[in-house]
Protein backbone atom coordinates (compact mmCIF):
# COMPACT_ATOMS: atom_id res chain seq x y z
CA MET A 1 0.07 0.03 0.18
CA ALA A 2 1.30 3.52 -0.89
CA ALA A 3 2.16 5.73 1.90
CA GLN A 4 0.02 8.61 2.88
CA ILE A 5 1.23 11.92 1.69
CA LEU A 6 1.74 14.58 4.32
CA HIS A 7 0.96 17.99 2.23
CA GLY A 8 1.89 21.05 4.48
CA GLY A 9 -0.42 23.41 2.77
CA PRO A 10 -3.44 23.12 4.78
CA LEU A 11 -1.44 23.49 8.20
CA ALA A 12 0.40 26.15 6.83
CA GLU A 13 -2.35 27.97 5.50
CA ARG A 14 -4.13 28.20 8.88
CA VAL A 15 -0.80 29.10 10.77
CA ARG A 16 -0.18 32.00 8.15
CA ALA A 17 -3.69 33.28 8.61
CA GLU A 18 -3.22 33.58 12.31
CA ALA A 19 0.17 35.19 12.15
CA ILE A 20 -1.09 37.85 9.40
CA GLN A 21 -3.93 38.76 11.93
CA GLU A 22 -1.25 39.20 14.77
CA VAL A 23 0.98 41.42 12.44
CA GLU A 24 -2.22 43.62 11.75
CA ASP A 25 -2.73 43.78 15.88
CA LEU A 26 1.01 44.83 15.98
CA ARG A 27 0.53 47.45 13.31
CA ARG A 28 -2.45 48.88 15.19
CA GLY A 29 -0.47 49.37 18.27
CA GLY A 30 2.11 51.24 16.58
CA ARG A 31 4.78 48.60 15.68
CA SER A 32 5.88 47.47 12.36
CA PRO A 33 7.86 44.27 11.99
CA ARG A 34 11.23 44.56 10.11
CA VAL A 35 13.03 41.45 9.24
CA ALA A 36 16.93 41.69 7.98
CA ALA A 37 18.35 38.42 6.28
CA ILE A 38 21.87 37.86 5.98
CA HIS A 39 21.80 35.83 2.82
CA ASN A 40 24.20 33.28 1.30
CA ASP A 41 23.32 34.24 -2.59
CA LEU A 42 25.68 31.42 -3.70
CA ASP A 43 23.67 28.64 -2.52
CA PRO A 44 20.68 27.53 -4.96
CA ALA A 45 18.60 26.02 -2.16
CA VAL A 46 19.33 28.92 0.19
CA ARG A 47 18.10 31.44 -2.54
CA VAL A 48 14.67 29.33 -2.69
CA TYR A 49 14.29 29.52 1.01
CA MET A 50 15.00 33.22 1.08
CA LYS A 51 12.32 33.82 -1.82
CA ARG A 52 9.95 31.78 0.25
CA GLN A 53 10.44 33.82 3.34
CA ARG A 54 10.19 37.16 1.62
CA SER A 55 7.22 36.30 -0.18
CA ALA A 56 5.40 35.25 3.12
CA CYS A 57 6.49 38.65 4.70
CA GLU A 58 5.31 40.55 1.60
CA GLN A 59 1.87 39.09 1.95
CA ALA A 60 1.59 39.65 5.60
CA GLY A 61 2.83 43.36 5.22
CA VAL A 62 6.29 42.64 7.10
CA ALA A 63 9.25 44.74 5.79
CA TYR A 64 11.89 42.00 4.70
CA GLU A 65 15.53 43.26 3.34
CA VAL A 66 17.85 40.83 2.02
CA HIS A 67 21.66 41.42 2.70
CA PRO A 68 23.89 39.17 0.18
CA ILE A 69 27.10 38.26 1.74
CA SER A 70 28.75 36.48 -1.32
CA ARG A 71 31.04 39.45 -1.97
CA LYS A 72 31.91 40.19 1.52
CA SER A 73 34.62 39.17 3.87
CA PRO A 74 34.05 37.60 7.30
CA GLY A 75 34.75 40.75 8.99
CA GLU A 76 32.54 42.76 7.09
CA VAL A 77 29.66 40.46 7.68
CA ALA A 78 30.47 40.58 11.27
CA ASP A 79 30.03 44.26 11.18
CA LEU A 80 26.83 43.98 9.28
CA VAL A 81 25.37 41.45 11.91
CA ALA A 82 26.22 43.92 14.81
CA THR A 83 25.04 46.98 12.94
CA LEU A 84 21.65 45.30 12.24
CA ALA A 85 21.68 43.98 15.90
CA ALA A 86 22.05 47.54 17.26
CA ASP A 87 19.24 48.97 14.91
CA PRO A 88 16.14 49.46 17.09
CA SER A 89 13.98 49.42 13.76
CA VAL A 90 15.03 45.98 12.73
CA THR A 91 12.83 43.66 14.91
CA GLY A 92 14.01 40.15 13.54
CA MET A 93 17.15 38.93 11.90
CA THR A 94 17.98 35.82 10.12
CA ILE A 95 21.09 34.15 8.97
CA HIS A 96 20.76 31.88 6.07
CA GLN A 97 22.54 28.57 6.24
CA PRO A 98 24.95 27.32 5.05
CA MET A 99 26.92 30.36 4.87
CA PRO A 100 29.90 30.44 2.25
CA ALA A 101 32.99 28.50 2.77
CA GLY A 102 35.31 30.14 5.37
CA PHE A 103 32.61 31.62 7.53
CA GLU A 104 32.32 30.35 11.26
CA GLU A 105 28.77 30.11 11.36
CA GLY A 106 28.34 29.76 15.26
CA ARG A 107 30.23 33.15 15.60
CA PHE A 108 27.75 34.90 13.39
CA LEU A 109 24.61 33.21 14.99
CA ALA A 110 25.75 34.29 18.46
CA GLY A 111 25.87 38.08 17.07
CA VAL A 112 22.10 37.96 16.69
CA PRO A 113 20.35 39.06 19.81
CA ALA A 114 18.23 36.34 21.16
CA ALA A 115 15.25 38.84 21.04
CA LYS A 116 15.71 39.09 17.43
CA ASP A 117 16.36 35.64 16.46
CA VAL A 118 13.46 34.77 14.23
CA GLU A 119 15.20 31.41 13.25
CA ALA A 120 15.60 30.43 17.03
CA THR A 121 19.08 29.29 16.40
CA HIS A 122 20.76 31.98 19.06
CA PRO A 123 22.49 29.80 21.75
CA GLU A 124 20.08 31.33 24.21
CA SER A 125 17.28 29.98 22.09
CA LEU A 126 18.63 26.51 21.78
CA GLY A 127 19.40 26.61 25.61
CA ARG A 128 15.81 27.37 26.15
CA LEU A 129 14.57 24.47 23.84
CA SER A 130 16.98 21.94 25.44
CA LEU A 131 15.59 22.72 28.83
CA GLY A 132 11.94 23.00 27.66
CA LEU A 133 11.46 26.56 28.23
CA GLU A 134 9.15 28.85 26.40
CA GLY A 135 10.54 30.54 23.23
CA PRO A 136 10.56 30.55 19.73
CA ARG A 137 11.42 27.25 18.12
CA PRO A 138 13.72 26.71 14.94
CA VAL A 139 10.93 26.71 12.21
CA ALA A 140 12.10 23.86 10.04
CA ALA A 141 12.40 21.36 12.81
CA ALA A 142 9.22 22.68 14.49
CA ALA A 143 7.28 22.24 11.15
CA ALA A 144 8.65 18.76 10.79
CA LEU A 145 7.15 17.80 14.29
CA GLU A 146 3.87 19.40 13.56
CA LEU A 147 3.34 17.37 10.38
CA LEU A 148 4.53 14.25 12.70
CA ARG A 149 1.88 15.21 15.31
CA SER A 150 -0.69 14.98 12.35
CA VAL A 151 -0.62 11.36 12.10
CA ARG A 152 1.09 10.40 15.34
CA GLU A 153 0.79 12.37 18.48
CA ASP A 154 2.04 9.44 21.07
CA ALA A 155 5.42 7.87 20.17
CA ARG A 156 6.01 5.97 23.40
CA GLY A 157 7.74 2.93 22.66
CA LEU A 158 8.82 4.05 19.26
CA ASP A 159 12.17 4.39 17.79
CA ALA A 160 13.07 7.74 16.13
CA VAL A 161 16.19 8.33 13.82
CA VAL A 162 17.18 11.94 13.04
CA VAL A 163 19.49 11.94 10.01
CA GLY A 164 21.56 15.32 10.49
CA ARG A 165 22.96 17.22 13.59
CA SER A 166 22.89 20.76 12.46
CA ALA A 167 22.11 23.49 15.21
CA MET A 168 19.54 24.69 12.64
CA VAL A 169 17.68 21.52 11.98
CA GLY A 170 18.76 18.21 13.19
CA LEU A 171 19.65 18.89 16.58
CA PRO A 172 16.49 20.83 17.41
CA ALA A 173 14.26 18.21 15.77
CA ALA A 174 15.81 15.58 18.34
CA LEU A 175 15.40 17.80 21.35
CA MET A 176 11.78 18.66 20.36
CA LEU A 177 10.94 15.14 20.01
CA LEU A 178 12.54 14.26 23.64
CA GLY A 179 10.26 17.16 24.59
CA TRP A 180 7.22 15.26 24.13
CA GLY A 181 7.87 14.02 27.63
CA ARG A 182 5.93 10.67 28.39
CA ARG A 183 4.48 10.53 24.66
CA ALA A 184 8.29 10.79 23.21
CA PRO A 185 10.17 8.24 21.40
CA THR A 186 13.51 6.99 21.81
CA VAL A 187 15.85 9.15 19.81
CA THR A 188 19.02 8.27 17.68
CA ILE A 189 20.77 11.12 15.84
CA CYS A 190 22.91 10.02 12.74
CA HIS A 191 25.26 12.03 10.85
CA SER A 192 28.23 11.93 8.39
CA GLY A 193 30.36 9.75 10.54
CA THR A 194 27.40 7.14 11.21
CA ARG A 195 29.11 3.69 10.32
CA ASP A 196 26.04 2.11 8.31
CA LEU A 197 23.02 4.55 8.12
CA ALA A 198 20.82 1.99 6.80
CA VAL A 199 21.01 -0.08 10.02
CA HIS A 200 19.59 2.53 12.05
CA THR A 201 16.98 3.86 9.62
CA ARG A 202 15.57 0.20 9.01
CA ARG A 203 14.69 -0.16 12.71
CA ALA A 204 13.06 3.19 12.99
CA ASP A 205 9.25 3.92 13.08
CA ILE A 206 10.00 7.59 12.42
CA VAL A 207 12.55 8.99 10.35
CA ILE A 208 13.37 12.67 9.98
CA VAL A 209 15.72 13.44 7.18
CA ALA A 210 17.85 16.69 7.57
CA ALA A 211 21.16 15.89 6.32
CA GLY A 212 21.29 18.34 2.94
CA ARG A 213 22.12 15.56 0.75
CA PRO A 214 19.44 14.42 -2.05
CA GLY A 215 18.28 10.90 -1.91
CA ILE A 216 20.36 9.92 1.16
CA VAL A 217 17.52 7.68 2.52
CA ARG A 218 16.29 5.23 -0.11
CA GLY A 219 13.45 3.26 -0.19
CA ASP A 220 15.14 0.07 1.04
CA MET A 221 16.43 1.77 3.95
CA VAL A 222 12.94 2.24 5.47
CA ARG A 223 10.72 0.01 7.65
CA PRO A 224 7.66 -0.86 6.15
CA GLY A 225 4.72 1.51 7.61
CA ALA A 226 7.34 4.10 8.96
CA ILE A 227 6.69 7.62 8.93
CA VAL A 228 9.35 9.62 7.11
CA ILE A 229 9.59 13.50 7.48
CA ASP A 230 11.88 14.99 4.89
CA ILE A 231 13.12 18.40 6.07
CA GLY A 232 15.86 18.51 3.22
CA ILE A 233 15.63 21.01 0.17
CA ASN A 234 18.16 20.50 -2.67
CA LYS A 235 17.98 22.07 -6.15
CA LEU A 236 19.46 19.72 -8.79
CA ASP A 237 21.29 20.80 -12.05
CA ASP A 238 18.08 20.44 -13.97
CA GLY A 239 16.09 22.86 -11.70
CA ARG A 240 14.03 20.49 -9.81
CA LEU A 241 13.61 20.66 -6.03
CA VAL A 242 14.04 17.22 -4.32
CA GLY A 243 14.39 16.21 -0.50
CA ASP A 244 16.83 14.14 1.14
CA ALA A 245 14.73 11.13 0.88
CA ALA A 246 14.13 9.24 -2.45
CA PHE A 247 10.57 10.14 -2.51
CA ASP A 248 9.18 7.81 -5.19
CA GLU A 249 11.11 4.75 -3.47
CA VAL A 250 10.10 5.69 -0.07
CA LYS A 251 6.36 6.46 -0.58
CA GLU A 252 5.91 2.65 -1.65
CA VAL A 253 7.25 1.51 1.66
CA ALA A 254 6.50 3.98 4.19
CA GLY A 255 3.18 4.68 6.07
CA ALA A 256 3.41 8.19 5.64
CA VAL A 257 5.75 10.61 4.00
CA THR A 258 6.22 14.36 3.38
CA PRO A 259 6.82 15.47 -0.35
CA VAL A 260 9.41 17.97 -1.33
CA PRO A 261 8.40 20.62 -2.32
CA GLY A 262 5.00 20.91 -0.59
CA GLY A 263 5.49 19.11 2.69
CA VAL A 264 7.61 20.59 5.55
CA GLY A 265 8.61 23.84 3.53
CA PRO A 266 5.23 25.76 3.52
CA VAL A 267 4.59 24.85 7.16
CA ALA A 268 8.16 26.17 8.06
CA VAL A 269 7.64 29.49 6.34
CA ALA A 270 4.32 29.90 8.21
CA LEU A 271 5.96 29.25 11.37
CA PHE A 272 8.70 31.64 10.37
CA LEU A 273 5.91 34.38 10.32
CA ARG A 274 4.87 33.39 13.84
CA ASN A 275 8.46 33.95 14.98
CA VAL A 276 8.64 37.29 13.22
CA VAL A 277 5.60 38.35 15.36
CA ALA A 278 7.00 36.75 18.54
CA CYS A 279 10.13 38.82 18.08
CA ALA A 280 8.65 42.03 17.38
CA ARG A 281 6.36 41.66 20.45
CA ARG A 282 9.66 41.15 22.54
CA GLN A 283 11.21 44.09 20.94
CA GLY A 284 8.21 46.21 21.90
CA SER A 285 8.35 44.86 25.65
CA HIS A 286 11.97 45.90 25.62
């Protein structure tokens, strides 16, 4: 039996509508959200992500300014981050990853004030997540978990494998799974150093793929009936967008799977708007 396809559109539309209303409420209160994006314009997948963010913000009436960095030195980018961080009119900041080669991502992420961190990747944001405290959540990981909840709210006794350990996606996804408390599965994180990825994915009831490598999870690596949530987005040489899972193969084995595009992506963009609102409110309270 073919898998249930977990389209993100309906959930994204509901979250987006709520966020747009909250933007209107902010504007009526005299606050106008403004987001500054530090953008790696050399990466095709990052360009796709930026365009989706910008479109969502424009539809919501949120100012979204893009700062390309491909021709800047790390020092110049550090200065730019510091300038935007100190600008009271900027209510939210995002640093698109991966950054160009030679850029130490952690250094720049730490330069974004936690109160302006719309991607929730600041050390303070991740610390709050690890402790189960309130605060914005990394949007791609949060979107993946929202789609997982749509088919499985209780994962007690199940095995979950997260493929990828980045601070922006893989690690937060694992922490958020553990944050389900008594309903949490047993979580394993796999990465580039994992000896035999298929050994882990074949035993998993839930597979969350966030490795940034197209087709890293094939159909024969998935347990029949498993739920596969694909966070990856990769642009091929022929212009096609694909995920990290081989969708046509996986859908013949899995119980449920997210498509790329159209799965996690729309939900992540909608949740980005929710984080934009939360950061604008925090700026107002300061």
